[in-house]
């Protein structure tokens, strides 16, 4: 099989070279893979680790959102602290 063959998905086509490039970019973005000693990591492992990383990020966002809501519930909405938090959230 040629590395130039394309995969058909609806009307879009993506070559094996493009897939390899995207997997390579994911390797650089996901800390669990990027921080591993140099070695070959399969594309399926990269995709699995990427999904896990995204799930963890979503959990962190939810946790931080809950903590922020709790913090805002404990302070006066017109206070200087509330103004600081609003300015940080809206940046």
PDB file of N, CA and C in Angstrom:
ATOM      1  N   UNK A   1       0.832  -1.189   0.000  1.00  0.00           N
ATOM      2  CA  UNK A   1       0.000   0.000   0.000  1.00  0.00           C
ATOM      3  C   UNK A   1       0.872   1.246   0.000  1.00  0.00           C
ATOM      4  N   UNK A   2       0.476   2.204  -0.746  1.00  0.00           N
ATOM      5  CA  UNK A   2       1.225   3.453  -0.840  1.00  0.00           C
ATOM      6  C   UNK A   2       0.867   4.378   0.312  1.00  0.00           C
ATOM      7  N   UNK A   3       1.852   5.161   0.775  1.00  0.00           N
ATOM      8  CA  UNK A   3       1.559   6.128   1.842  1.00  0.00           C
ATOM      9  C   UNK A   3       0.805   7.324   1.288  1.00  0.00           C
ATOM     10  N   UNK A   4       0.632   7.360  -0.002  1.00  0.00           N
ATOM     11  CA  UNK A   4      -0.111   8.455  -0.637  1.00  0.00           C
ATOM     12  C   UNK A   4      -1.583   8.125  -0.831  1.00  0.00           C
ATOM     13  N   UNK A   5      -2.002   6.902  -0.473  1.00  0.00           N
ATOM     14  CA  UNK A   5      -3.408   6.570  -0.686  1.00  0.00           C
ATOM     15  C   UNK A   5      -4.273   7.458   0.203  1.00  0.00           C
ATOM     16  N   UNK A   6      -5.498   7.640  -0.181  1.00  0.00           N
ATOM     17  CA  UNK A   6      -6.411   8.508   0.564  1.00  0.00           C
ATOM     18  C   UNK A   6      -7.543   7.691   1.139  1.00  0.00           C
ATOM     19  N   UNK A   7      -8.071   8.171   2.230  1.00  0.00           N
ATOM     20  CA  UNK A   7      -9.245   7.557   2.837  1.00  0.00           C
ATOM     21  C   UNK A   7     -10.441   8.441   2.514  1.00  0.00           C
ATOM     22  N   UNK A   8     -11.523   7.810   2.126  1.00  0.00           N
ATOM     23  CA  UNK A   8     -12.724   8.540   1.756  1.00  0.00           C
ATOM     24  C   UNK A   8     -13.669   8.600   2.944  1.00  0.00           C
ATOM     25  N   UNK A   9     -14.099   9.780   3.315  1.00  0.00           N
ATOM     26  CA  UNK A   9     -15.069   9.969   4.394  1.00  0.00           C
ATOM     27  C   UNK A   9     -16.026  11.047   3.942  1.00  0.00           C
ATOM     28  N   UNK A  10     -17.179  10.634   3.428  1.00  0.00           N
ATOM     29  CA  UNK A  10     -18.091  11.621   2.858  1.00  0.00           C
ATOM     30  C   UNK A  10     -17.430  12.229   1.638  1.00  0.00           C
ATOM     31  N   UNK A  11     -17.383  13.544   1.597  1.00  0.00           N
ATOM     32  CA  UNK A  11     -16.766  14.212   0.460  1.00  0.00           C
ATOM     33  C   UNK A  11     -15.339  14.652   0.760  1.00  0.00           C
ATOM     34  N   UNK A  12     -14.872  14.478   2.008  1.00  0.00           N
ATOM     35  CA  UNK A  12     -13.518  14.906   2.336  1.00  0.00           C
ATOM     36  C   UNK A  12     -12.560  13.739   2.217  1.00  0.00           C
ATOM     37  N   UNK A  13     -11.324  14.056   1.881  1.00  0.00           N
ATOM     38  CA  UNK A  13     -10.288  13.038   1.736  1.00  0.00           C
ATOM     39  C   UNK A  13      -9.098  13.459   2.570  1.00  0.00           C
ATOM     40  N   UNK A  14      -8.518  12.488   3.225  1.00  0.00           N
ATOM     41  CA  UNK A  14      -7.326  12.772   4.003  1.00  0.00           C
ATOM     42  C   UNK A  14      -6.309  11.673   3.697  1.00  0.00           C
ATOM     43  N   UNK A  15      -5.112  12.089   3.384  1.00  0.00           N
ATOM     44  CA  UNK A  15      -4.080  11.125   3.017  1.00  0.00           C
ATOM     45  C   UNK A  15      -3.427  10.539   4.266  1.00  0.00           C
ATOM     46  N   UNK A  16      -2.750   9.429   4.082  1.00  0.00           N
ATOM     47  CA  UNK A  16      -2.020   8.825   5.203  1.00  0.00           C
ATOM     48  C   UNK A  16      -0.955   9.778   5.722  1.00  0.00           C
ATOM     49  N   UNK A  17      -0.347  10.536   4.827  1.00  0.00           N
ATOM     50  CA  UNK A  17       0.655  11.512   5.255  1.00  0.00           C
ATOM     51  C   UNK A  17       0.038  12.572   6.160  1.00  0.00           C
ATOM     52  N   UNK A  18      -1.162  13.011   5.842  1.00  0.00           N
ATOM     53  CA  UNK A  18      -1.846  13.997   6.677  1.00  0.00           C
ATOM     54  C   UNK A  18      -2.189  13.401   8.044  1.00  0.00           C
ATOM     55  N   UNK A  19      -2.604  12.140   8.057  1.00  0.00           N
ATOM     56  CA  UNK A  19      -2.901  11.473   9.319  1.00  0.00           C
ATOM     57  C   UNK A  19      -1.642  11.391  10.172  1.00  0.00           C
ATOM     58  N   UNK A  20      -0.538  11.004   9.570  1.00  0.00           N
ATOM     59  CA  UNK A  20       0.731  10.918  10.305  1.00  0.00           C
ATOM     60  C   UNK A  20       1.140  12.272  10.862  1.00  0.00           C
ATOM     61  N   UNK A  21       0.925  13.318  10.082  1.00  0.00           N
ATOM     62  CA  UNK A  21       1.256  14.667  10.536  1.00  0.00           C
ATOM     63  C   UNK A  21       0.390  15.077  11.722  1.00  0.00           C
ATOM     64  N   UNK A  22      -0.897  14.773  11.657  1.00  0.00           N
ATOM     65  CA  UNK A  22      -1.804  15.105  12.752  1.00  0.00           C
ATOM     66  C   UNK A  22      -1.456  14.327  14.026  1.00  0.00           C
ATOM     67  N   UNK A  23      -1.137  13.056  13.872  1.00  0.00           N
ATOM     68  CA  UNK A  23      -0.741  12.246  15.028  1.00  0.00           C
ATOM     69  C   UNK A  23       0.544  12.795  15.626  1.00  0.00           C
ATOM     70  N   UNK A  24       1.454  13.226  14.773  1.00  0.00           N
ATOM     71  CA  UNK A  24       2.708  13.810  15.250  1.00  0.00           C
ATOM     72  C   UNK A  24       2.435  15.089  16.054  1.00  0.00           C
ATOM     73  N   UNK A  25       1.514  15.906  15.597  1.00  0.00           N
ATOM     74  CA  UNK A  25       1.151  17.124  16.324  1.00  0.00           C
ATOM     75  C   UNK A  25       0.526  16.789  17.672  1.00  0.00           C
ATOM     76  N   UNK A  26      -0.308  15.755  17.706  1.00  0.00           N
ATOM     77  CA  UNK A  26      -0.904  15.341  18.977  1.00  0.00           C
ATOM     78  C   UNK A  26       0.173  14.870  19.943  1.00  0.00           C
ATOM     79  N   UNK A  27       1.169  14.150  19.433  1.00  0.00           N
ATOM     80  CA  UNK A  27       2.276  13.695  20.283  1.00  0.00           C
ATOM     81  C   UNK A  27       2.944  14.878  20.983  1.00  0.00           C
ATOM     82  N   UNK A  28       3.057  15.987  20.287  1.00  0.00           N
ATOM     83  CA  UNK A  28       3.715  17.169  20.843  1.00  0.00           C
ATOM     84  C   UNK A  28       2.823  17.900  21.845  1.00  0.00           C
ATOM     85  N   UNK A  29       1.515  17.764  21.709  1.00  0.00           N
ATOM     86  CA  UNK A  29       0.579  18.513  22.556  1.00  0.00           C
ATOM     87  C   UNK A  29       0.220  17.815  23.858  1.00  0.00           C
ATOM     88  N   UNK A  30       0.209  16.505  23.855  1.00  0.00           N
ATOM     89  CA  UNK A  30      -0.255  15.758  25.023  1.00  0.00           C
ATOM     90  C   UNK A  30       0.919  15.469  25.952  1.00  0.00           C
ATOM     91  N   UNK A  31       0.893  16.044  27.172  1.00  0.00           N
ATOM     92  CA  UNK A  31       2.043  15.906  28.075  1.00  0.00           C
ATOM     93  C   UNK A  31       2.419  14.457  28.386  1.00  0.00           C
ATOM     94  N   UNK A  32       1.425  13.576  28.530  1.00  0.00           N
ATOM     95  CA  UNK A  32       1.718  12.189  28.866  1.00  0.00           C
ATOM     96  C   UNK A  32       2.561  11.502  27.798  1.00  0.00           C
ATOM     97  N   UNK A  33       2.439  11.961  26.574  1.00  0.00           N
ATOM     98  CA  UNK A  33       3.224  11.378  25.474  1.00  0.00           C
ATOM     99  C   UNK A  33       4.508  12.170  25.274  1.00  0.00           C
ATOM    100  N   UNK A  34       4.395  13.475  25.306  1.00  0.00           N
ATOM    101  CA  UNK A  34       5.550  14.348  25.067  1.00  0.00           C
ATOM    102  C   UNK A  34       6.651  14.105  26.099  1.00  0.00           C
ATOM    103  N   UNK A  35       6.280  13.800  27.349  1.00  0.00           N
ATOM    104  CA  UNK A  35       7.251  13.645  28.423  1.00  0.00           C
ATOM    105  C   UNK A  35       7.836  12.239  28.527  1.00  0.00           C
ATOM    106  N   UNK A  36       7.406  11.334  27.677  1.00  0.00           N
ATOM    107  CA  UNK A  36       7.947   9.977  27.691  1.00  0.00           C
ATOM    108  C   UNK A  36       9.328   9.970  27.055  1.00  0.00           C
ATOM    109  N   UNK A  37      10.163   9.023  27.495  1.00  0.00           N
ATOM    110  CA  UNK A  37      11.464   8.888  26.822  1.00  0.00           C
ATOM    111  C   UNK A  37      11.236   8.593  25.341  1.00  0.00           C
ATOM    112  N   UNK A  38      12.172   9.021  24.541  1.00  0.00           N
ATOM    113  CA  UNK A  38      11.990   8.845  23.103  1.00  0.00           C
ATOM    114  C   UNK A  38      11.781   7.374  22.784  1.00  0.00           C
ATOM    115  N   UNK A  39      10.860   7.146  21.946  1.00  0.00           N
ATOM    116  CA  UNK A  39      10.506   5.788  21.540  1.00  0.00           C
ATOM    117  C   UNK A  39       9.257   5.848  20.701  1.00  0.00           C
ATOM    118  N   UNK A  40       8.998   4.782  20.029  1.00  0.00           N
ATOM    119  CA  UNK A  40       7.851   4.739  19.129  1.00  0.00           C
ATOM    120  C   UNK A  40       6.575   4.519  19.933  1.00  0.00           C
ATOM    121  N   UNK A  41       5.608   5.408  19.757  1.00  0.00           N
ATOM    122  CA  UNK A  41       4.290   5.267  20.366  1.00  0.00           C
ATOM    123  C   UNK A  41       3.307   5.118  19.214  1.00  0.00           C
ATOM    124  N   UNK A  42       2.489   4.087  19.276  1.00  0.00           N
ATOM    125  CA  UNK A  42       1.566   3.826  18.172  1.00  0.00           C
ATOM    126  C   UNK A  42       0.533   4.939  18.044  1.00  0.00           C
ATOM    127  N   UNK A  43      -0.002   5.074  16.845  1.00  0.00           N
ATOM    128  CA  UNK A  43      -1.025   6.094  16.592  1.00  0.00           C
ATOM    129  C   UNK A  43      -2.251   5.835  17.457  1.00  0.00           C
ATOM    130  N   UNK A  44      -2.612   4.570  17.644  1.00  0.00           N
ATOM    131  CA  UNK A  44      -3.783   4.277  18.472  1.00  0.00           C
ATOM    132  C   UNK A  44      -3.539   4.689  19.919  1.00  0.00           C
ATOM    133  N   UNK A  45      -2.322   4.506  20.421  1.00  0.00           N
ATOM    134  CA  UNK A  45      -1.983   4.926  21.785  1.00  0.00           C
ATOM    135  C   UNK A  45      -2.023   6.452  21.887  1.00  0.00           C
ATOM    136  N   UNK A  46      -1.547   7.138  20.853  1.00  0.00           N
ATOM    137  CA  UNK A  46      -1.589   8.600  20.837  1.00  0.00           C
ATOM    138  C   UNK A  46      -3.038   9.078  20.904  1.00  0.00           C
ATOM    139  N   UNK A  47      -3.912   8.463  20.120  1.00  0.00           N
ATOM    140  CA  UNK A  47      -5.319   8.854  20.124  1.00  0.00           C
ATOM    141  C   UNK A  47      -5.973   8.548  21.468  1.00  0.00           C
ATOM    142  N   UNK A  48      -5.648   7.388  22.048  1.00  0.00           N
ATOM    143  CA  UNK A  48      -6.189   7.024  23.354  1.00  0.00           C
ATOM    144  C   UNK A  48      -5.735   8.009  24.423  1.00  0.00           C
ATOM    145  N   UNK A  49      -4.458   8.335  24.457  1.00  0.00           N
ATOM    146  CA  UNK A  49      -3.923   9.284  25.431  1.00  0.00           C
ATOM    147  C   UNK A  49      -4.505  10.681  25.216  1.00  0.00           C
ATOM    148  N   UNK A  50      -4.731  11.064  23.967  1.00  0.00           N
ATOM    149  CA  UNK A  50      -5.332  12.365  23.662  1.00  0.00           C
ATOM    150  C   UNK A  50      -6.750  12.439  24.216  1.00  0.00           C
ATOM    151  N   UNK A  51      -7.517  11.376  24.021  1.00  0.00           N
ATOM    152  CA  UNK A  51      -8.887  11.346  24.565  1.00  0.00           C
ATOM    153  C   UNK A  51      -8.870  11.430  26.088  1.00  0.00           C
ATOM    154  N   UNK A  52      -7.958  10.689  26.716  1.00  0.00           N
ATOM    155  CA  UNK A  52      -7.840  10.746  28.177  1.00  0.00           C
ATOM    156  C   UNK A  52      -7.464  12.145  28.644  1.00  0.00           C
ATOM    157  N   UNK A  53      -6.545  12.769  27.929  1.00  0.00           N
ATOM    158  CA  UNK A  53      -6.097  14.118  28.273  1.00  0.00           C
ATOM    159  C   UNK A  53      -7.256  15.118  28.174  1.00  0.00           C
ATOM    160  N   UNK A  54      -8.036  15.016  27.126  1.00  0.00           N
ATOM    161  CA  UNK A  54      -9.179  15.919  26.942  1.00  0.00           C
ATOM    162  C   UNK A  54     -10.215  15.692  28.043  1.00  0.00           C
ATOM    163  N   UNK A  55     -10.470  14.417  28.389  1.00  0.00           N
ATOM    164  CA  UNK A  55     -11.402  14.130  29.485  1.00  0.00           C
ATOM    165  C   UNK A  55     -10.910  14.748  30.789  1.00  0.00           C
ATOM    166  N   UNK A  56      -9.617  14.606  31.055  1.00  0.00           N
ATOM    167  CA  UNK A  56      -9.057  15.184  32.277  1.00  0.00           C
ATOM    168  C   UNK A  56      -9.161  16.701  32.279  1.00  0.00           C
ATOM    169  N   UNK A  57      -8.919  17.318  31.141  1.00  0.00           N
ATOM    170  CA  UNK A  57      -9.055  18.779  31.048  1.00  0.00           C
ATOM    171  C   UNK A  57     -10.492  19.198  31.319  1.00  0.00           C
ATOM    172  N   UNK A  58     -11.445  18.456  30.771  1.00  0.00           N
ATOM    173  CA  UNK A  58     -12.859  18.765  31.023  1.00  0.00           C
ATOM    174  C   UNK A  58     -13.199  18.649  32.498  1.00  0.00           C
ATOM    175  N   UNK A  59     -12.672  17.615  33.162  1.00  0.00           N
ATOM    176  CA  UNK A  59     -12.904  17.460  34.607  1.00  0.00           C
ATOM    177  C   UNK A  59     -12.310  18.635  35.373  1.00  0.00           C
ATOM    178  N   UNK A  60     -11.112  19.051  34.984  1.00  0.00           N
ATOM    179  CA  UNK A  60     -10.477  20.190  35.652  1.00  0.00           C
ATOM    180  C   UNK A  60     -11.285  21.468  35.468  1.00  0.00           C
ATOM    181  N   UNK A  61     -11.790  21.686  34.270  1.00  0.00           N
ATOM    182  CA  UNK A  61     -12.616  22.877  34.007  1.00  0.00           C
ATOM    183  C   UNK A  61     -13.868  22.834  34.866  1.00  0.00           C
ATOM    184  N   UNK A  62     -14.511  21.664  34.931  1.00  0.00           N
ATOM    185  CA  UNK A  62     -15.715  21.533  35.764  1.00  0.00           C
ATOM    186  C   UNK A  62     -15.397  21.801  37.227  1.00  0.00           C
ATOM    187  N   UNK A  63     -14.289  21.246  37.697  1.00  0.00           N
ATOM    188  CA  UNK A  63     -13.891  21.448  39.092  1.00  0.00           C
ATOM    189  C   UNK A  63     -13.611  22.923  39.373  1.00  0.00           C
ATOM    190  N   UNK A  64     -12.865  23.565  38.490  1.00  0.00           N
ATOM    191  CA  UNK A  64     -12.558  24.987  38.682  1.00  0.00           C
ATOM    192  C   UNK A  64     -13.814  25.841  38.614  1.00  0.00           C
ATOM    193  N   UNK A  65     -14.730  25.475  37.738  1.00  0.00           N
ATOM    194  CA  UNK A  65     -15.988  26.207  37.630  1.00  0.00           C
ATOM    195  C   UNK A  65     -16.791  26.080  38.925  1.00  0.00           C
ATOM    196  N   UNK A  66     -16.827  24.870  39.487  1.00  0.00           N
ATOM    197  CA  UNK A  66     -17.527  24.666  40.760  1.00  0.00           C
ATOM    198  C   UNK A  66     -16.875  25.475  41.872  1.00  0.00           C
ATOM    199  N   UNK A  67     -15.551  25.447  41.925  1.00  0.00           N
ATOM    200  CA  UNK A  67     -14.831  26.187  42.966  1.00  0.00           C
ATOM    201  C   UNK A  67     -15.067  27.688  42.823  1.00  0.00           C
ATOM    202  N   UNK A  68     -15.085  28.172  41.587  1.00  0.00           N
ATOM    203  CA  UNK A  68     -15.339  29.591  41.361  1.00  0.00           C
ATOM    204  C   UNK A  68     -16.755  29.959  41.788  1.00  0.00           C
ATOM    205  N   UNK A  69     -17.705  29.112  41.470  1.00  0.00           N
ATOM    206  CA  UNK A  69     -19.090  29.367  41.883  1.00  0.00           C
ATOM    207  C   UNK A  69     -19.210  29.423  43.394  1.00  0.00           C
ATOM    208  N   UNK A  70     -18.522  28.501  44.077  1.00  0.00           N
ATOM    209  CA  UNK A  70     -18.545  28.500  45.547  1.00  0.00           C
ATOM    210  C   UNK A  70     -17.911  29.769  46.096  1.00  0.00           C
ATOM    211  N   UNK A  71     -16.811  30.174  45.493  1.00  0.00           N
ATOM    212  CA  UNK A  71     -16.137  31.392  45.944  1.00  0.00           C
ATOM    213  C   UNK A  71     -17.026  32.609  45.746  1.00  0.00           C
ATOM    214  N   UNK A  72     -17.639  32.707  44.579  1.00  0.00           N
ATOM    215  CA  UNK A  72     -18.505  33.850  44.301  1.00  0.00           C
ATOM    216  C   UNK A  72     -19.714  33.876  45.232  1.00  0.00           C
ATOM    217  N   UNK A  73     -20.174  32.710  45.653  1.00  0.00           N
ATOM    218  CA  UNK A  73     -21.326  32.653  46.561  1.00  0.00           C
ATOM    219  C   UNK A  73     -20.978  33.150  47.955  1.00  0.00           C
ATOM    220  N   UNK A  74     -19.682  33.184  48.274  1.00  0.00           N
ATOM    221  CA  UNK A  74     -19.290  33.577  49.635  1.00  0.00           C
ATOM    222  C   UNK A  74     -18.876  35.037  49.744  1.00  0.00           C
ATOM    223  N   UNK A  75     -18.816  35.751  48.632  1.00  0.00           N
ATOM    224  CA  UNK A  75     -18.388  37.148  48.704  1.00  0.00           C
ATOM    225  C   UNK A  75     -19.494  38.070  48.222  1.00  0.00           C
ATOM    226  N   UNK A  76     -19.416  39.294  48.644  1.00  0.00           N
ATOM    227  CA  UNK A  76     -20.367  40.323  48.250  1.00  0.00           C
ATOM    228  C   UNK A  76     -20.142  40.649  46.775  1.00  0.00           C
ATOM    229  N   UNK A  77     -21.219  40.630  45.998  1.00  0.00           N
ATOM    230  CA  UNK A  77     -21.126  40.856  44.551  1.00  0.00           C
ATOM    231  C   UNK A  77     -20.556  42.231  44.212  1.00  0.00           C
ATOM    232  N   UNK A  78     -20.667  43.192  45.112  1.00  0.00           N
ATOM    233  CA  UNK A  78     -20.171  44.542  44.855  1.00  0.00           C
ATOM    234  C   UNK A  78     -18.783  44.789  45.459  1.00  0.00           C
ATOM    235  N   UNK A  79     -18.179  43.757  46.005  1.00  0.00           N
ATOM    236  CA  UNK A  79     -16.884  43.927  46.669  1.00  0.00           C
ATOM    237  C   UNK A  79     -15.746  44.021  45.657  1.00  0.00           C
ATOM    238  N   UNK A  80     -14.615  44.480  46.155  1.00  0.00           N
ATOM    239  CA  UNK A  80     -13.417  44.569  45.319  1.00  0.00           C
ATOM    240  C   UNK A  80     -12.975  43.183  44.858  1.00  0.00           C
ATOM    241  N   UNK A  81     -13.124  42.176  45.759  1.00  0.00           N
ATOM    242  CA  UNK A  81     -12.752  40.809  45.394  1.00  0.00           C
ATOM    243  C   UNK A  81     -13.586  40.297  44.222  1.00  0.00           C
ATOM    244  N   UNK A  82     -14.880  40.577  44.249  1.00  0.00           N
ATOM    245  CA  UNK A  82     -15.767  40.152  43.169  1.00  0.00           C
ATOM    246  C   UNK A  82     -15.381  40.844  41.860  1.00  0.00           C
ATOM    247  N   UNK A  83     -15.015  42.107  41.936  1.00  0.00           N
ATOM    248  CA  UNK A  83     -14.598  42.845  40.736  1.00  0.00           C
ATOM    249  C   UNK A  83     -13.327  42.230  40.144  1.00  0.00           C
ATOM    250  N   UNK A  84     -12.395  41.838  41.017  1.00  0.00           N
ATOM    251  CA  UNK A  84     -11.153  41.215  40.540  1.00  0.00           C
ATOM    252  C   UNK A  84     -11.452  39.894  39.856  1.00  0.00           C
ATOM    253  N   UNK A  85     -12.303  39.095  40.488  1.00  0.00           N
ATOM    254  CA  UNK A  85     -12.639  37.798  39.903  1.00  0.00           C
ATOM    255  C   UNK A  85     -13.327  37.985  38.562  1.00  0.00           C
ATOM    256  N   UNK A  86     -14.278  38.933  38.493  1.00  0.00           N
ATOM    257  CA  UNK A  86     -14.964  39.192  37.217  1.00  0.00           C
ATOM    258  C   UNK A  86     -13.978  39.614  36.144  1.00  0.00           C
ATOM    259  N   UNK A  87     -13.002  40.458  36.506  1.00  0.00           N
ATOM    260  CA  UNK A  87     -12.034  40.919  35.505  1.00  0.00           C
ATOM    261  C   UNK A  87     -11.165  39.768  35.017  1.00  0.00           C
ATOM    262  N   UNK A  88     -10.838  38.834  35.900  1.00  0.00           N
ATOM    263  CA  UNK A  88     -10.019  37.681  35.508  1.00  0.00           C
ATOM    264  C   UNK A  88     -10.803  36.709  34.622  1.00  0.00           C
ATOM    265  N   UNK A  89     -12.080  36.551  34.930  1.00  0.00           N
ATOM    266  CA  UNK A  89     -12.918  35.599  34.170  1.00  0.00           C
ATOM    267  C   UNK A  89     -13.236  36.132  32.789  1.00  0.00           C
ATOM    268  N   UNK A  90     -13.363  37.437  32.641  1.00  0.00           N
ATOM    269  CA  UNK A  90     -13.778  38.003  31.361  1.00  0.00           C
ATOM    270  C   UNK A  90     -12.602  38.352  30.458  1.00  0.00           C
ATOM    271  N   UNK A  91     -11.393  38.024  30.852  1.00  0.00           N
ATOM    272  CA  UNK A  91     -10.226  38.332  30.004  1.00  0.00           C
ATOM    273  C   UNK A  91     -10.157  37.437  28.813  1.00  0.00           C
TER     274      UNK A  91
END
